[in-house]
Every structure is written in structure tokens, then in C-alpha cells.
Protein backbone atom coordinates (compact mmCIF):
# COMPACT_ATOMS: atom_id res chain seq x y z
CA MET A 1 -8.50 18.95 36.48
CA SER A 2 -10.60 15.75 37.16
CA GLY A 3 -8.93 12.41 38.01
CA MET A 4 -10.38 11.00 34.81
CA ALA A 5 -9.02 14.14 32.74
CA ALA A 6 -5.58 13.71 34.12
CA GLY A 7 -5.92 9.86 33.49
CA GLU A 8 -6.52 10.57 29.83
CA LEU A 9 -3.73 12.81 29.42
CA ARG A 10 -1.24 10.38 30.74
CA GLU A 11 -2.56 7.81 28.65
CA ASN A 12 -2.37 9.82 25.46
CA ALA A 13 1.11 10.96 26.43
CA LYS A 14 2.24 7.21 26.29
CA ARG A 15 0.82 6.90 22.74
CA PRO A 16 3.51 7.59 19.93
CA ALA A 17 2.46 10.04 17.13
CA LEU A 18 1.41 8.56 13.83
CA SER A 19 1.29 9.96 10.19
CA VAL A 20 -1.28 8.98 7.64
CA VAL A 21 -0.56 9.22 3.97
CA VAL A 22 -3.38 9.16 1.52
CA CYS A 23 -2.55 9.55 -2.11
CA THR A 24 -5.39 10.77 -4.77
CA ARG A 25 -5.76 11.66 -8.19
CA ASN A 26 -9.01 12.94 -9.80
CA ARG A 27 -11.14 11.70 -7.04
CA PRO A 28 -12.38 14.59 -5.04
CA GLN A 29 -15.70 12.94 -3.53
CA SER A 30 -13.74 9.72 -2.81
CA VAL A 31 -10.95 11.33 -1.08
CA LEU A 32 -13.19 13.44 0.97
CA ARG A 33 -14.94 10.37 2.39
CA ALA A 34 -11.42 8.81 3.12
CA VAL A 35 -10.23 12.08 4.89
CA SER A 36 -13.51 12.23 6.88
CA SER A 37 -13.09 8.72 8.09
CA ILE A 38 -9.60 9.30 9.36
CA LEU A 39 -10.34 12.43 11.18
CA SER A 40 -13.30 10.71 12.70
CA GLY A 41 -10.98 7.87 14.31
CA ASP A 42 -10.52 7.51 17.88
CA TYR A 43 -6.60 7.82 17.75
CA PRO A 44 -5.61 11.26 19.39
CA ASP A 45 -2.08 12.03 17.72
CA PHE A 46 -1.55 12.01 14.15
CA ASP A 47 -0.99 14.18 10.97
CA LEU A 48 -2.40 13.36 7.51
CA ILE A 49 -0.63 14.17 4.28
CA VAL A 50 -2.95 14.16 1.20
CA VAL A 51 -0.68 13.81 -1.90
CA ASP A 52 -2.66 15.06 -4.94
CA GLN A 53 -1.70 14.18 -8.35
CA SER A 54 -4.88 15.42 -9.88
CA ASP A 55 -5.36 17.34 -13.39
CA ASP A 56 -7.33 19.91 -11.98
CA ASP A 57 -8.40 21.88 -8.49
CA TRP A 58 -11.37 19.80 -7.61
CA THR A 59 -9.74 17.88 -4.85
CA GLU A 60 -8.52 20.99 -3.31
CA TYR A 61 -11.91 22.31 -3.49
CA ALA A 62 -13.36 19.20 -1.91
CA LEU A 63 -10.96 19.38 1.18
CA ARG A 64 -11.18 22.92 1.67
CA PRO A 65 -13.52 22.69 4.73
CA TYR A 66 -10.73 20.64 6.33
CA LEU A 67 -7.81 22.42 5.62
CA ASN A 68 -7.79 24.64 8.40
CA ASP A 69 -7.33 21.64 10.55
CA PRO A 70 -3.78 21.74 11.61
CA ARG A 71 -3.34 18.07 11.50
CA ILE A 72 -3.91 18.19 7.55
CA ARG A 73 -1.26 18.77 4.83
CA LEU A 74 -2.37 19.00 1.17
CA GLU A 75 0.79 18.54 -1.28
CA ARG A 76 -0.04 19.12 -4.74
CA SER A 77 2.26 17.06 -6.98
CA ALA A 78 2.92 17.16 -10.93
CA THR A 79 4.41 13.42 -10.71
CA GLN A 80 2.36 10.37 -11.90
CA GLY A 81 2.09 7.16 -10.09
CA LEU A 82 0.96 5.77 -6.59
CA ALA A 83 4.42 4.77 -5.75
CA ALA A 84 5.78 8.31 -6.50
CA ALA A 85 3.02 9.78 -4.61
CA ARG A 86 3.64 7.63 -1.58
CA ASN A 87 7.26 8.40 -1.56
CA ILE A 88 6.28 12.06 -1.40
CA GLY A 89 3.84 11.72 1.21
CA ILE A 90 6.22 9.41 3.58
CA GLY A 91 8.93 11.91 2.84
CA LEU A 92 6.96 14.61 4.43
CA ALA A 93 5.84 12.49 7.34
CA ARG A 94 6.55 13.58 10.84
CA SER A 95 6.67 10.27 12.62
CA GLU A 96 8.51 7.09 12.36
CA LEU A 97 5.13 4.96 12.17
CA ILE A 98 3.30 5.70 8.82
CA ALA A 99 -0.23 4.52 8.07
CA VAL A 100 -1.36 4.26 4.63
CA THR A 101 -4.74 3.87 2.79
CA ASP A 102 -6.19 4.82 -0.66
CA ASP A 103 -8.48 7.41 -1.67
CA ASP A 104 -11.27 4.96 -2.25
CA CYS A 105 -11.19 3.48 1.25
CA GLU A 106 -12.98 4.28 4.29
CA ALA A 107 -10.87 3.83 7.53
CA GLU A 108 -12.57 2.07 10.55
CA ARG A 109 -12.56 4.15 13.82
CA ASP A 110 -9.95 2.01 15.52
CA TRP A 111 -7.82 1.61 12.34
CA LEU A 112 -4.82 3.67 13.65
CA GLN A 113 -4.68 2.06 17.06
CA GLU A 114 -4.96 -1.32 15.78
CA LEU A 115 -1.84 -0.80 13.29
CA LEU A 116 -0.08 0.54 16.43
CA ASN A 117 -1.14 -2.53 18.33
CA ALA A 118 0.44 -4.54 15.49
CA PHE A 119 3.70 -2.97 15.78
CA ALA A 120 3.83 -3.77 19.49
CA VAL A 121 3.29 -7.38 18.84
CA ASP A 122 7.18 -8.07 18.01
CA GLY A 123 9.96 -5.47 17.96
CA ARG A 124 11.15 -6.89 14.54
CA ILE A 125 7.94 -5.82 12.65
CA ALA A 126 8.46 -3.04 10.20
CA LEU A 127 5.68 -3.57 7.89
CA VAL A 128 1.97 -4.32 8.72
CA PHE A 129 -1.14 -5.03 6.56
CA GLY A 130 -4.70 -5.20 7.60
CA ASN A 131 -7.90 -6.50 6.04
CA VAL A 132 -9.51 -4.62 3.21
CA THR A 133 -13.20 -5.49 3.22
CA PRO A 134 -15.42 -4.68 0.19
CA GLY A 135 -18.00 -1.97 0.64
CA THR A 136 -21.72 -2.48 -0.50
CA HIS A 137 -22.12 -3.25 -4.16
CA ASN A 138 -24.01 -5.03 -6.67
CA VAL A 139 -22.33 -8.64 -6.83
CA ALA A 140 -24.22 -9.39 -10.08
CA ALA A 141 -22.85 -6.46 -12.00
CA GLY A 142 -19.10 -6.35 -10.57
CA PHE A 143 -16.90 -6.67 -7.73
CA VAL A 144 -14.72 -4.61 -5.32
CA PRO A 145 -11.19 -5.94 -4.92
CA SER A 146 -10.83 -7.12 -1.02
CA TYR A 147 -8.34 -8.96 1.19
CA VAL A 148 -9.63 -10.45 4.28
CA ARG A 149 -7.54 -12.56 6.68
CA GLY A 150 -9.20 -14.33 9.79
CA GLU A 151 -6.17 -14.76 11.83
CA PRO A 152 -2.86 -12.91 12.46
CA LEU A 153 0.22 -13.79 10.70
CA LEU A 154 3.84 -12.99 11.20
CA ALA A 155 6.32 -13.48 8.48
CA CYS A 156 10.29 -13.14 8.93
CA GLY A 157 11.69 -14.31 5.77
CA ILE A 158 11.17 -14.48 2.12
CA ALA A 159 10.20 -18.40 2.44
CA GLN A 160 6.97 -17.11 4.00
CA LYS A 161 6.25 -14.60 1.34
CA HIS A 162 3.47 -16.62 -0.23
CA GLN A 163 1.59 -16.11 3.13
CA VAL A 164 1.76 -12.60 3.15
CA GLU A 165 -0.33 -10.91 0.57
CA GLY A 166 -1.80 -7.89 2.05
CA MET A 167 -2.75 -4.88 -0.05
CA GLY A 168 -1.43 -1.46 0.26
CA ALA A 169 -4.83 0.25 0.76
CA CYS A 170 -4.51 -1.14 4.54
CA MET A 171 -0.94 -0.77 5.46
CA GLY A 172 1.50 0.55 8.16
CA LEU A 173 5.23 0.92 8.15
CA LYS A 174 8.23 2.33 9.80
CA ARG A 175 9.69 5.27 8.09
CA SER A 176 13.24 3.79 8.76
CA LEU A 177 12.31 0.86 6.64
CA TRP A 178 11.16 2.97 3.83
CA ARG A 179 14.34 4.87 4.04
CA SER A 180 16.54 1.64 4.28
CA LEU A 181 14.98 0.26 1.13
CA ASN A 182 14.98 3.69 -0.85
CA GLY A 183 11.17 3.91 -0.83
CA PHE A 184 8.74 2.63 -3.32
CA ASP A 185 10.01 1.60 -6.61
CA GLU A 186 8.42 4.32 -8.84
CA LEU A 187 8.39 2.46 -12.12
CA LEU A 188 5.69 -0.13 -10.38
CA GLY A 189 2.32 0.71 -9.16
CA ALA A 190 -0.85 2.26 -10.48
CA GLY A 191 -0.23 4.97 -12.97
CA ALA A 192 3.38 3.83 -13.57
CA PRO A 193 4.85 1.89 -16.77
CA LEU A 194 4.80 -1.39 -14.94
CA ARG A 195 1.24 -0.82 -13.70
CA SER A 196 0.99 -2.50 -10.29
CA GLY A 197 2.97 -4.56 -7.69
CA GLU A 198 4.73 -1.66 -5.74
CA ASP A 199 3.34 -3.18 -2.62
CA THR A 200 4.35 -6.65 -3.28
CA ASP A 201 7.94 -5.45 -4.43
CA PHE A 202 8.17 -3.38 -1.14
CA THR A 203 7.24 -6.50 1.08
CA ILE A 204 9.66 -8.89 -0.80
CA ARG A 205 12.52 -6.25 -0.25
CA ALA A 206 11.72 -6.06 3.36
CA LEU A 207 11.60 -9.80 4.01
CA LEU A 208 15.00 -10.05 1.98
CA ALA A 209 16.41 -7.46 4.32
CA ARG A 210 15.29 -9.77 7.27
CA HIS A 211 12.61 -7.46 8.33
CA CYS A 212 9.34 -8.99 9.81
CA VAL A 213 5.82 -8.24 8.01
CA TYR A 214 2.64 -8.80 10.21
CA GLU A 215 -0.83 -9.27 8.96
CA THR A 216 -3.55 -8.53 11.35
CA PRO A 217 -7.67 -8.63 10.85
CA ALA A 218 -7.91 -6.26 13.70
CA ALA A 219 -7.05 -3.28 11.60
CA ALA A 220 -9.48 -2.71 8.60
CA VAL A 221 -10.54 -0.41 5.74
CA VAL A 222 -13.72 -0.59 3.75
CA HIS A 223 -12.85 -0.61 -0.08
CA HIS A 224 -15.19 1.21 -2.29
CA GLY A 225 -13.20 0.76 -5.69
CA TYR A 226 -16.00 -1.00 -7.43
CA ARG A 227 -15.27 -2.45 -10.92
CA SER A 228 -17.81 -3.78 -13.49
CA TRP A 229 -16.87 -7.07 -14.90
CA GLU A 230 -15.52 -5.33 -17.90
CA GLU A 231 -13.37 -2.82 -16.08
CA GLY A 232 -12.15 -5.57 -14.01
CA ARG A 233 -10.55 -7.40 -16.88
CA GLY A 234 -8.06 -4.62 -17.25
CA LEU A 235 -7.57 -4.28 -13.38
CA ILE A 236 -6.67 -7.99 -12.89
CA GLU A 237 -4.27 -7.82 -15.97
CA GLY A 238 -2.55 -4.94 -14.24
CA TYR A 239 -2.22 -6.73 -11.03
CA MET A 240 -0.53 -9.91 -12.93
CA TYR A 241 1.44 -7.54 -15.11
CA GLY A 242 3.04 -5.77 -12.08
CA LEU A 243 3.42 -9.08 -10.22
CA GLY A 244 5.49 -10.43 -13.01
CA ALA A 245 7.48 -7.26 -13.18
CA ALA A 246 8.18 -7.17 -9.16
CA LEU A 247 9.24 -10.77 -9.23
CA VAL A 248 11.62 -10.86 -12.28
CA LYS A 249 13.47 -7.77 -10.99
CA GLN A 250 14.73 -9.72 -7.77
CA ILE A 251 15.89 -12.63 -9.81
CA LYS A 252 17.73 -9.89 -11.98
CA CYS A 253 19.17 -8.75 -8.78
CA GLY A 254 20.49 -12.11 -7.69
CA HIS A 255 17.93 -13.00 -5.28
CA TRP A 256 17.39 -16.56 -6.44
CA THR A 257 15.33 -17.39 -3.20
CA VAL A 258 12.49 -15.38 -4.99
CA LEU A 259 12.26 -18.72 -7.16
CA GLY A 260 10.51 -20.31 -4.40
CA VAL A 261 8.10 -17.44 -4.27
CA LEU A 262 7.35 -17.99 -7.85
CA CYS A 263 7.10 -21.73 -7.47
CA ARG A 264 4.20 -21.19 -4.81
CA LEU A 265 2.63 -18.51 -7.26
CA ALA A 266 2.48 -21.18 -9.98
CA TRP A 267 0.74 -23.73 -7.74
CA ARG A 268 -1.87 -21.13 -6.78
CA TRP A 269 -2.49 -20.18 -10.46
CA ALA A 270 -2.86 -23.88 -11.44
CA PHE A 271 -4.93 -25.14 -8.61
CA GLY A 272 -6.09 -22.30 -6.19
CA GLN A 273 -7.84 -19.10 -5.92
CA PRO A 274 -6.45 -15.72 -6.23
CA VAL A 275 -5.48 -14.28 -2.68
CA VAL A 276 -7.03 -10.87 -3.39
CA ASP A 277 -10.71 -11.68 -3.79
CA LEU A 278 -11.84 -10.52 -7.27
CA GLY A 279 -15.56 -11.67 -6.81
CA HIS A 280 -14.93 -14.65 -9.07
CA ARG A 281 -11.77 -16.66 -10.35
CA PRO A 282 -10.61 -14.87 -13.43
CA PRO A 283 -9.53 -17.01 -16.63
CA ARG A 284 -6.13 -18.55 -15.86
CA LEU A 285 -4.75 -18.03 -19.05
CA ARG A 286 -5.60 -14.47 -19.34
CA ARG A 287 -3.71 -14.03 -15.81
CA LEU A 288 -0.77 -16.04 -17.06
CA PHE A 289 -0.38 -14.10 -20.47
CA ALA A 290 -0.62 -10.82 -18.43
CA PHE A 291 1.97 -12.07 -15.72
CA LEU A 292 4.41 -13.45 -18.61
CA ARG A 293 3.96 -9.73 -20.22
CA GLY A 294 5.06 -8.30 -17.00
CA VAL A 295 7.88 -10.63 -16.83
CA ALA A 296 9.20 -9.57 -20.23
CA ALA A 297 8.83 -5.86 -19.62
CA GLY A 298 10.73 -6.00 -16.33
CA GLY A 299 13.43 -8.26 -18.07
CA ALA A 300 13.88 -5.37 -20.59
CA THR A 301 14.13 -2.62 -17.92
CA PRO A 302 17.30 -1.91 -16.15
CA VAL A 303 17.86 -2.36 -12.46
CA ASP A 304 20.08 -0.51 -10.03
CA ARG A 305 21.14 -3.18 -7.70
CA LYS A 306 22.37 -0.46 -5.29
CA THR A 307 18.89 0.86 -4.81
CA GLY A 308 16.77 -2.32 -5.66
CA HIS A 309 14.81 -0.15 -8.02
CA TYR A 310 14.13 -0.22 -11.93
CA VAL A 311 15.50 2.70 -13.74
CA ASN A 312 14.33 4.33 -16.70
CA ARG A 313 16.93 4.97 -19.54
CA GLY A 314 19.82 4.80 -17.11
CA LYS A 315 18.17 7.39 -14.64
CA ARG A 316 16.16 6.95 -11.56
CA ILE A 317 12.92 8.80 -11.88
CA SER A 318 12.32 9.10 -8.23
CA LEU A 319 11.83 11.72 -5.91
CA PHE A 320 13.28 9.49 -3.00
CA THR A 321 16.32 11.86 -3.14
CA MET A 322 14.50 14.70 -1.77
CA ASP A 323 15.53 15.92 1.55
CA CYS A 324 13.61 13.65 4.09
CA ARG A 325 13.53 14.80 7.86
């Protein structure tokens, strides 16, 4: 064995294994691009779980050329909602460090390595967000939601939540954090009754539990989730609806410090731009009304204070109780 080959083996042995979770529904070609980008990355040791909530078999057909790769596991699920799918994927993961992206994203080659580097910055970091850059699109006809930070930021308390606004499309987390927070709240997020906000809720609960959250521009994915201006109205209203529901839940749980986050949000609503780049400044009143509808919906939904999750008719609709390794 050459000295270079031996050195590479020693270097790889020092690198921890990672698990990657991608959740998808009825987007076979899009998830194919996402999976291909992850497999083409430069990190040597990871497993990839694709959680498929599709109505048909087209996603499995699209991924079939990759399914002989021992790193990949395709998990079909009859559940609904992004949060439920993420809970399934993370529950099946083999590693403590988890990388998460969406089925309409394309990971940069060094994405996994940069997420790993982010966790190494400080031992208290349990949740990481990276940049979500917009793919090529016609800016006159629509937009791609994106989130781009120029400098890294470490937040270690709820008072800093307004500085941490990362998107779940480029996220890393410790599996031990996920377990301690009882997973993602499955009544929040895309495809769930409360429409969005599962990543915001998870971040708030992590900070309340005194874990640190780190944002880094070094880890990045390209987002191809194009929306026309007309389609964007519903998307933006869903964001604000879920945000309202996520915030009011913490107040119902007695976490009054979240009122500081709400005040910061009110100031931004009145005077600033949305932190997630939506290609334009959406109408303030439309955002406010959607937020208030989310507050009302969350206020009418019971909360289990022990788990920190919303409940549906007195019963958690969660797969988090599954036997997790």
C-alpha cells in the first residue's frame, strides 16, 4: 500500500459517520437530482435515508438505479407531512450526526464535510443551519425561497433566536437532540394541519433547552423550489401561519421568554425585510393576517407540555414512539 493510500485510510478513519435524510412526495425527478448530488459529494462515510410519502411508485422507479448502493435506504410511508417524514428518517439513521435537505435541493460537493466542521466549532452545538441559495430562474416571473448568511453565527439562548432563521432545507442536527426534544412536531410543517414552522419550532425548543445553534455559510445547498408569483402567495401565507402556530405553542407551554422573539418579529414585520429571501417584500397585511390565523389555530389546538408537541384530539399523531436505535 502506498504512503498516500495509507494516509487517506488513516484520515478517513478519523471522520465520524454521518446519516443523511431526504424526504419526498410526488417529485421523482427532483429527488433523483437531490440524491445524485449527495452521492457525488466528497465525504466518504455516510448513509442516506430517503423517506417517500408519494401517492404512486414513480419515485421508487426513478431511484431504482441507485438502490443497489449499500449507502441508500428507501423507506415508503403512508404518513403525511414533512415533520412526520423527518422523524421516520432520523429514527432509522445509523449515526449521531444527521444532515437534512429537501427533495428540491442540490447539495454542494463539500456539504457534509462543512456540516461536520460546523459541529466541531463548539461542543455545545447541537443544531446547524447552512445557506440555501436560489437555483437559476426567471426573476421576472417568480422566485425561489432562499436564505443566505454572509458570516457564521453562534446562538446559545432564546434571546438570540431572532438572529437564527435557518431553513430546514440545509440543516444538521445531533440525533441525541432530536430524541431529547421528542422529534419534530408533526402537526407543524408542510403537509400538516398547521402548514409550516416545524424547523422554527425545533430551533426554539433547542434554544429553550440550552443547546447551541450555529449558522454557517460554508455549508450550502442550491434550492430549485421555484414558485410563480401566484403560487408564492400561498407559500408565504403558509410560512406565516406556521410561524404563528409555533410561537403561540411556546406561550401556551409557559415559555414567556418567547415574547421577546415575538417583539423582534413584530419590529421586523413593521420595518424590515423577511429574513428568508422571497424575491420581493410580500404585503405586510397579508403576512400579518396569515400569522394571526396561525396563532388562532395554534391557540385552539391542545399541547402536551411533557413532549412540547401539539396533540390532535387528545392523542399524539406521531411516529416518534417507534423503536429508535
